[in-house]
Amino acid sequence: MEKHTRSKVKASLLAVGDTGNPKFKEDKLYYKPSEVSEKLGVSEEIIRRMFEKDKFKGARKTDGEHLRISKDAFITNN
C-alpha cells in the first residue's frame, strides 16, 4: 500500500472514530452492575439479585455472561 493511500485510510478511520465499534455503541446504551450499584447506593450483589428477579427492564447478559442494564430503565441526572 502506498504511503499516500495509507494516510487516507488512517484519516478515514480517525474520522469514523469509535462510533463504528458495536461495543462502543453498547456502552452508551447500557450500565455495568458497578455503575448501577453506585447510582442506587447498594452492593453489586443486590443488583445481580434484582437482575435475576427481572427488576430491570431491558437488562441482559452479554455473550461473555457479563450483566448489562439498559440506561432506559433509569431516570438520572447524569
PDB file of N, CA and C in Angstrom:
ATOM      1  N   MET A   1       0.856  -1.176   0.000  1.00  0.00           N
ATOM      2  CA  MET A   1       0.000   0.000   0.000  1.00  0.00           C
ATOM      3  C   MET A   1       0.898   1.233   0.000  1.00  0.00           C
ATOM      4  N   GLU A   2       0.579   2.175  -0.865  1.00  0.00           N
ATOM      5  CA  GLU A   2       1.359   3.403  -0.943  1.00  0.00           C
ATOM      6  C   GLU A   2       1.206   4.224   0.329  1.00  0.00           C
ATOM      7  N   LYS A   3       2.201   5.043   0.591  1.00  0.00           N
ATOM      8  CA  LYS A   3       2.164   5.894   1.783  1.00  0.00           C
ATOM      9  C   LYS A   3       0.970   6.836   1.733  1.00  0.00           C
ATOM     10  N   HIS A   4       0.677   7.393   0.561  1.00  0.00           N
ATOM     11  CA  HIS A   4      -0.445   8.320   0.410  1.00  0.00           C
ATOM     12  C   HIS A   4      -1.782   7.615   0.692  1.00  0.00           C
ATOM     13  N   THR A   5      -1.935   6.396   0.196  1.00  0.00           N
ATOM     14  CA  THR A   5      -3.160   5.623   0.418  1.00  0.00           C
ATOM     15  C   THR A   5      -3.321   5.279   1.892  1.00  0.00           C
ATOM     16  N   ARG A   6      -2.223   4.906   2.540  1.00  0.00           N
ATOM     17  CA  ARG A   6      -2.279   4.597   3.972  1.00  0.00           C
ATOM     18  C   ARG A   6      -2.721   5.813   4.775  1.00  0.00           C
ATOM     19  N   SER A   7      -2.245   6.971   4.394  1.00  0.00           N
ATOM     20  CA  SER A   7      -2.641   8.202   5.098  1.00  0.00           C
ATOM     21  C   SER A   7      -4.128   8.467   4.949  1.00  0.00           C
ATOM     22  N   LYS A   8      -4.651   8.234   3.757  1.00  0.00           N
ATOM     23  CA  LYS A   8      -6.085   8.434   3.530  1.00  0.00           C
ATOM     24  C   LYS A   8      -6.907   7.454   4.369  1.00  0.00           C
ATOM     25  N   VAL A   9      -6.478   6.189   4.397  1.00  0.00           N
ATOM     26  CA  VAL A   9      -7.190   5.178   5.176  1.00  0.00           C
ATOM     27  C   VAL A   9      -7.138   5.536   6.655  1.00  0.00           C
ATOM     28  N   LYS A  10      -5.980   5.936   7.124  1.00  0.00           N
ATOM     29  CA  LYS A  10      -5.825   6.307   8.523  1.00  0.00           C
ATOM     30  C   LYS A  10      -6.717   7.500   8.861  1.00  0.00           C
ATOM     31  N   ALA A  11      -6.775   8.492   7.990  1.00  0.00           N
ATOM     32  CA  ALA A  11      -7.626   9.666   8.213  1.00  0.00           C
ATOM     33  C   ALA A  11      -9.092   9.261   8.233  1.00  0.00           C
ATOM     34  N   SER A  12      -9.483   8.330   7.377  1.00  0.00           N
ATOM     35  CA  SER A  12     -10.865   7.863   7.348  1.00  0.00           C
ATOM     36  C   SER A  12     -11.233   7.163   8.642  1.00  0.00           C
ATOM     37  N   LEU A  13     -10.324   6.341   9.140  1.00  0.00           N
ATOM     38  CA  LEU A  13     -10.584   5.636  10.394  1.00  0.00           C
ATOM     39  C   LEU A  13     -10.695   6.615  11.553  1.00  0.00           C
ATOM     40  N   LEU A  14      -9.874   7.634  11.562  1.00  0.00           N
ATOM     41  CA  LEU A  14      -9.944   8.633  12.622  1.00  0.00           C
ATOM     42  C   LEU A  14     -11.254   9.414  12.539  1.00  0.00           C
ATOM     43  N   ALA A  15     -11.732   9.651  11.335  1.00  0.00           N
ATOM     44  CA  ALA A  15     -12.990  10.385  11.164  1.00  0.00           C
ATOM     45  C   ALA A  15     -14.169   9.569  11.678  1.00  0.00           C
ATOM     46  N   VAL A  16     -14.125   8.255  11.475  1.00  0.00           N
ATOM     47  CA  VAL A  16     -15.196   7.383  11.947  1.00  0.00           C
ATOM     48  C   VAL A  16     -15.153   7.301  13.464  1.00  0.00           C
ATOM     49  N   GLY A  17     -13.968   7.244  14.040  1.00  0.00           N
ATOM     50  CA  GLY A  17     -13.819   7.152  15.492  1.00  0.00           C
ATOM     51  C   GLY A  17     -14.383   5.850  16.011  1.00  0.00           C
ATOM     52  N   ASP A  18     -14.806   5.844  17.266  1.00  0.00           N
ATOM     53  CA  ASP A  18     -15.314   4.639  17.911  1.00  0.00           C
ATOM     54  C   ASP A  18     -16.756   4.337  17.563  1.00  0.00           C
ATOM     55  N   THR A  19     -17.445   5.234  16.878  1.00  0.00           N
ATOM     56  CA  THR A  19     -18.862   5.023  16.622  1.00  0.00           C
ATOM     57  C   THR A  19     -19.121   3.818  15.728  1.00  0.00           C
ATOM     58  N   GLY A  20     -18.120   3.350  14.987  1.00  0.00           N
ATOM     59  CA  GLY A  20     -18.287   2.168  14.162  1.00  0.00           C
ATOM     60  C   GLY A  20     -18.112   0.881  14.952  1.00  0.00           C
ATOM     61  N   ASN A  21     -17.714   0.985  16.183  1.00  0.00           N
ATOM     62  CA  ASN A  21     -17.455  -0.172  17.028  1.00  0.00           C
ATOM     63  C   ASN A  21     -18.724  -0.547  17.784  1.00  0.00           C
ATOM     64  N   PRO A  22     -19.272  -1.747  17.552  1.00  0.00           N
ATOM     65  CA  PRO A  22     -20.510  -2.142  18.245  1.00  0.00           C
ATOM     66  C   PRO A  22     -20.394  -2.100  19.763  1.00  0.00           C
ATOM     67  N   LYS A  23     -19.226  -2.429  20.314  1.00  0.00           N
ATOM     68  CA  LYS A  23     -19.051  -2.393  21.756  1.00  0.00           C
ATOM     69  C   LYS A  23     -19.196  -0.964  22.267  1.00  0.00           C
ATOM     70  N   PHE A  24     -18.649  -0.001  21.542  1.00  0.00           N
ATOM     71  CA  PHE A  24     -18.756   1.401  21.935  1.00  0.00           C
ATOM     72  C   PHE A  24     -20.223   1.822  21.970  1.00  0.00           C
ATOM     73  N   LYS A  25     -20.988   1.416  20.969  1.00  0.00           N
ATOM     74  CA  LYS A  25     -22.418   1.742  20.943  1.00  0.00           C
ATOM     75  C   LYS A  25     -23.140   1.097  22.118  1.00  0.00           C
ATOM     76  N   GLU A  26     -22.786  -0.151  22.426  1.00  0.00           N
ATOM     77  CA  GLU A  26     -23.426  -0.851  23.544  1.00  0.00           C
ATOM     78  C   GLU A  26     -23.137  -0.130  24.859  1.00  0.00           C
ATOM     79  N   ASP A  27     -21.912   0.336  25.026  1.00  0.00           N
ATOM     80  CA  ASP A  27     -21.539   1.021  26.265  1.00  0.00           C
ATOM     81  C   ASP A  27     -22.360   2.282  26.481  1.00  0.00           C
ATOM     82  N   LYS A  28     -22.808   2.906  25.415  1.00  0.00           N
ATOM     83  CA  LYS A  28     -23.622   4.107  25.543  1.00  0.00           C
ATOM     84  C   LYS A  28     -25.071   3.784  25.907  1.00  0.00           C
ATOM     85  N   LEU A  29     -25.498   2.549  25.688  1.00  0.00           N
ATOM     86  CA  LEU A  29     -26.880   2.156  25.927  1.00  0.00           C
ATOM     87  C   LEU A  29     -27.093   1.417  27.239  1.00  0.00           C
ATOM     88  N   TYR A  30     -26.026   0.894  27.814  1.00  0.00           N
ATOM     89  CA  TYR A  30     -26.143   0.044  28.994  1.00  0.00           C
ATOM     90  C   TYR A  30     -25.197   0.473  30.108  1.00  0.00           C
ATOM     91  N   TYR A  31     -25.621   0.201  31.345  1.00  0.00           N
ATOM     92  CA  TYR A  31     -24.764   0.367  32.516  1.00  0.00           C
ATOM     93  C   TYR A  31     -24.187  -0.970  32.913  1.00  0.00           C
ATOM     94  N   LYS A  32     -23.026  -0.946  33.542  1.00  0.00           N
ATOM     95  CA  LYS A  32     -22.451  -2.126  34.179  1.00  0.00           C
ATOM     96  C   LYS A  32     -23.044  -2.210  35.582  1.00  0.00           C
ATOM     97  N   PRO A  33     -23.050  -3.393  36.189  1.00  0.00           N
ATOM     98  CA  PRO A  33     -23.577  -3.519  37.548  1.00  0.00           C
ATOM     99  C   PRO A  33     -22.909  -2.566  38.542  1.00  0.00           C
ATOM    100  N   SER A  34     -21.614  -2.340  38.387  1.00  0.00           N
ATOM    101  CA  SER A  34     -20.908  -1.434  39.302  1.00  0.00           C
ATOM    102  C   SER A  34     -21.442  -0.008  39.195  1.00  0.00           C
ATOM    103  N   GLU A  35     -21.789   0.408  37.980  1.00  0.00           N
ATOM    104  CA  GLU A  35     -22.333   1.753  37.783  1.00  0.00           C
ATOM    105  C   GLU A  35     -23.721   1.879  38.399  1.00  0.00           C
ATOM    106  N   VAL A  36     -24.540   0.847  38.237  1.00  0.00           N
ATOM    107  CA  VAL A  36     -25.894   0.861  38.803  1.00  0.00           C
ATOM    108  C   VAL A  36     -25.828   0.827  40.327  1.00  0.00           C
ATOM    109  N   SER A  37     -24.926   0.005  40.878  1.00  0.00           N
ATOM    110  CA  SER A  37     -24.826  -0.081  42.337  1.00  0.00           C
ATOM    111  C   SER A  37     -24.401   1.257  42.929  1.00  0.00           C
ATOM    112  N   GLU A  38     -23.528   1.963  42.241  1.00  0.00           N
ATOM    113  CA  GLU A  38     -23.105   3.282  42.707  1.00  0.00           C
ATOM    114  C   GLU A  38     -24.259   4.282  42.648  1.00  0.00           C
ATOM    115  N   LYS A  39     -25.014   4.252  41.569  1.00  0.00           N
ATOM    116  CA  LYS A  39     -26.151   5.169  41.419  1.00  0.00           C
ATOM    117  C   LYS A  39     -27.232   4.923  42.466  1.00  0.00           C
ATOM    118  N   LEU A  40     -27.466   3.651  42.773  1.00  0.00           N
ATOM    119  CA  LEU A  40     -28.530   3.305  43.715  1.00  0.00           C
ATOM    120  C   LEU A  40     -28.047   3.213  45.159  1.00  0.00           C
ATOM    121  N   GLY A  41     -26.739   3.196  45.354  1.00  0.00           N
ATOM    122  CA  GLY A  41     -26.205   3.120  46.704  1.00  0.00           C
ATOM    123  C   GLY A  41     -26.362   1.762  47.358  1.00  0.00           C
ATOM    124  N   VAL A  42     -26.294   0.711  46.556  1.00  0.00           N
ATOM    125  CA  VAL A  42     -26.386  -0.661  47.060  1.00  0.00           C
ATOM    126  C   VAL A  42     -25.224  -1.476  46.488  1.00  0.00           C
ATOM    127  N   SER A  43     -25.041  -2.688  46.981  1.00  0.00           N
ATOM    128  CA  SER A  43     -23.938  -3.525  46.508  1.00  0.00           C
ATOM    129  C   SER A  43     -24.228  -4.101  45.120  1.00  0.00           C
ATOM    130  N   GLU A  44     -23.151  -4.512  44.460  1.00  0.00           N
ATOM    131  CA  GLU A  44     -23.309  -5.168  43.158  1.00  0.00           C
ATOM    132  C   GLU A  44     -24.079  -6.475  43.302  1.00  0.00           C
ATOM    133  N   GLU A  45     -23.914  -7.146  44.419  1.00  0.00           N
ATOM    134  CA  GLU A  45     -24.645  -8.404  44.652  1.00  0.00           C
ATOM    135  C   GLU A  45     -26.151  -8.157  44.647  1.00  0.00           C
ATOM    136  N   ILE A  46     -26.588  -7.077  45.255  1.00  0.00           N
ATOM    137  CA  ILE A  46     -28.021  -6.743  45.250  1.00  0.00           C
ATOM    138  C   ILE A  46     -28.480  -6.463  43.823  1.00  0.00           C
ATOM    139  N   ILE A  47     -27.659  -5.777  43.052  1.00  0.00           N
ATOM    140  CA  ILE A  47     -28.006  -5.502  41.645  1.00  0.00           C
ATOM    141  C   ILE A  47     -28.158  -6.816  40.888  1.00  0.00           C
ATOM    142  N   ARG A  48     -27.262  -7.750  41.109  1.00  0.00           N
ATOM    143  CA  ARG A  48     -27.344  -9.050  40.430  1.00  0.00           C
ATOM    144  C   ARG A  48     -28.598  -9.821  40.850  1.00  0.00           C
ATOM    145  N   ARG A  49     -28.929  -9.766  42.117  1.00  0.00           N
ATOM    146  CA  ARG A  49     -30.159 -10.428  42.586  1.00  0.00           C
ATOM    147  C   ARG A  49     -31.391  -9.784  41.961  1.00  0.00           C
ATOM    148  N   MET A  50     -31.383  -8.458  41.874  1.00  0.00           N
ATOM    149  CA  MET A  50     -32.502  -7.753  41.245  1.00  0.00           C
ATOM    150  C   MET A  50     -32.623  -8.151  39.771  1.00  0.00           C
ATOM    151  N   PHE A  51     -31.487  -8.325  39.106  1.00  0.00           N
ATOM    152  CA  PHE A  51     -31.494  -8.773  37.710  1.00  0.00           C
ATOM    153  C   PHE A  51     -32.130 -10.153  37.598  1.00  0.00           C
ATOM    154  N   GLU A  52     -31.738 -11.052  38.484  1.00  0.00           N
ATOM    155  CA  GLU A  52     -32.277 -12.419  38.461  1.00  0.00           C
ATOM    156  C   GLU A  52     -33.787 -12.435  38.695  1.00  0.00           C
ATOM    157  N   LYS A  53     -34.303 -11.436  39.387  1.00  0.00           N
ATOM    158  CA  LYS A  53     -35.744 -11.329  39.648  1.00  0.00           C
ATOM    159  C   LYS A  53     -36.444 -10.444  38.617  1.00  0.00           C
ATOM    160  N   ASP A  54     -35.754 -10.156  37.500  1.00  0.00           N
ATOM    161  CA  ASP A  54     -36.304  -9.354  36.396  1.00  0.00           C
ATOM    162  C   ASP A  54     -36.774  -7.972  36.831  1.00  0.00           C
ATOM    163  N   LYS A  55     -36.003  -7.310  37.683  1.00  0.00           N
ATOM    164  CA  LYS A  55     -36.373  -5.982  38.169  1.00  0.00           C
ATOM    165  C   LYS A  55     -35.933  -4.856  37.229  1.00  0.00           C
ATOM    166  N   PHE A  56     -35.076  -5.172  36.254  1.00  0.00           N
ATOM    167  CA  PHE A  56     -34.573  -4.160  35.330  1.00  0.00           C
ATOM    168  C   PHE A  56     -35.075  -4.421  33.913  1.00  0.00           C
ATOM    169  N   LYS A  57     -35.926  -3.549  33.434  1.00  0.00           N
ATOM    170  CA  LYS A  57     -36.439  -3.673  32.063  1.00  0.00           C
ATOM    171  C   LYS A  57     -35.284  -3.483  31.078  1.00  0.00           C
ATOM    172  N   GLY A  58     -35.150  -4.406  30.155  1.00  0.00           N
ATOM    173  CA  GLY A  58     -34.123  -4.302  29.123  1.00  0.00           C
ATOM    174  C   GLY A  58     -32.744  -4.776  29.549  1.00  0.00           C
ATOM    175  N   ALA A  59     -32.615  -5.366  30.729  1.00  0.00           N
ATOM    176  CA  ALA A  59     -31.318  -5.884  31.171  1.00  0.00           C
ATOM    177  C   ALA A  59     -31.035  -7.201  30.464  1.00  0.00           C
ATOM    178  N   ARG A  60     -29.754  -7.484  30.281  1.00  0.00           N
ATOM    179  CA  ARG A  60     -29.382  -8.720  29.593  1.00  0.00           C
ATOM    180  C   ARG A  60     -27.976  -9.126  29.969  1.00  0.00           C
ATOM    181  N   LYS A  61     -27.611 -10.316  29.565  1.00  0.00           N
ATOM    182  CA  LYS A  61     -26.238 -10.784  29.715  1.00  0.00           C
ATOM    183  C   LYS A  61     -25.594 -10.801  28.339  1.00  0.00           C
ATOM    184  N   THR A  62     -24.325 -10.424  28.298  1.00  0.00           N
ATOM    185  CA  THR A  62     -23.584 -10.439  27.041  1.00  0.00           C
ATOM    186  C   THR A  62     -23.198 -11.868  26.707  1.00  0.00           C
ATOM    187  N   ASP A  63     -22.589 -12.046  25.545  1.00  0.00           N
ATOM    188  CA  ASP A  63     -22.103 -13.375  25.157  1.00  0.00           C
ATOM    189  C   ASP A  63     -21.097 -13.898  26.166  1.00  0.00           C
ATOM    190  N   GLY A  64     -20.380 -13.007  26.821  1.00  0.00           N
ATOM    191  CA  GLY A  64     -19.403 -13.392  27.830  1.00  0.00           C
ATOM    192  C   GLY A  64     -19.992 -13.500  29.222  1.00  0.00           C
ATOM    193  N   GLU A  65     -21.338 -13.493  29.316  1.00  0.00           N
ATOM    194  CA  GLU A  65     -22.067 -13.616  30.583  1.00  0.00           C
ATOM    195  C   GLU A  65     -21.922 -12.406  31.502  1.00  0.00           C
ATOM    196  N   HIS A  66     -21.570 -11.246  30.934  1.00  0.00           N
ATOM    197  CA  HIS A  66     -21.492 -10.017  31.720  1.00  0.00           C
ATOM    198  C   HIS A  66     -22.869  -9.359  31.739  1.00  0.00           C
ATOM    199  N   LEU A  67     -23.261  -8.901  32.893  1.00  0.00           N
ATOM    200  CA  LEU A  67     -24.568  -8.271  33.057  1.00  0.00           C
ATOM    201  C   LEU A  67     -24.534  -6.838  32.530  1.00  0.00           C
ATOM    202  N   ARG A  68     -25.549  -6.465  31.771  1.00  0.00           N
ATOM    203  CA  ARG A  68     -25.700  -5.097  31.277  1.00  0.00           C
ATOM    204  C   ARG A  68     -27.137  -4.676  31.524  1.00  0.00           C
ATOM    205  N   ILE A  69     -27.299  -3.457  32.047  1.00  0.00           N
ATOM    206  CA  ILE A  69     -28.620  -2.947  32.401  1.00  0.00           C
ATOM    207  C   ILE A  69     -28.898  -1.716  31.560  1.00  0.00           C
ATOM    208  N   SER A  70     -30.008  -1.736  30.864  1.00  0.00           N
ATOM    209  CA  SER A  70     -30.365  -0.663  29.954  1.00  0.00           C
ATOM    210  C   SER A  70     -30.463   0.676  30.676  1.00  0.00           C
ATOM    211  N   LYS A  71     -29.884   1.699  30.064  1.00  0.00           N
ATOM    212  CA  LYS A  71     -29.970   3.044  30.633  1.00  0.00           C
ATOM    213  C   LYS A  71     -31.407   3.560  30.600  1.00  0.00           C
ATOM    214  N   ASP A  72     -32.222   2.983  29.743  1.00  0.00           N
ATOM    215  CA  ASP A  72     -33.638   3.370  29.673  1.00  0.00           C
ATOM    216  C   ASP A  72     -34.404   2.990  30.935  1.00  0.00           C
ATOM    217  N   ALA A  73     -33.840   2.113  31.759  1.00  0.00           N
ATOM    218  CA  ALA A  73     -34.503   1.672  32.988  1.00  0.00           C
ATOM    219  C   ALA A  73     -34.357   2.703  34.107  1.00  0.00           C
ATOM    220  N   PHE A  74     -33.605   3.781  33.859  1.00  0.00           N
ATOM    221  CA  PHE A  74     -33.320   4.764  34.895  1.00  0.00           C
ATOM    222  C   PHE A  74     -33.652   6.181  34.453  1.00  0.00           C
ATOM    223  N   ILE A  75     -34.032   6.984  35.412  1.00  0.00           N
ATOM    224  CA  ILE A  75     -34.138   8.424  35.213  1.00  0.00           C
ATOM    225  C   ILE A  75     -33.073   9.012  36.126  1.00  0.00           C
ATOM    226  N   THR A  76     -32.012   9.543  35.533  1.00  0.00           N
ATOM    227  CA  THR A  76     -30.903  10.058  36.342  1.00  0.00           C
ATOM    228  C   THR A  76     -30.497  11.442  35.864  1.00  0.00           C
ATOM    229  N   ASN A  77     -29.719  12.111  36.685  1.00  0.00           N
ATOM    230  CA  ASN A  77     -29.197  13.429  36.336  1.00  0.00           C
ATOM    231  C   ASN A  77     -27.918  13.338  35.525  1.00  0.00           C
ATOM    232  N   ASN A  78     -27.258  12.161  35.539  1.00  0.00           N
ATOM    233  CA  ASN A  78     -26.017  12.016  34.777  1.00  0.00           C
ATOM    234  C   ASN A  78     -25.872  10.636  34.236  1.00  0.00           C
TER     235      ASN A  78
END
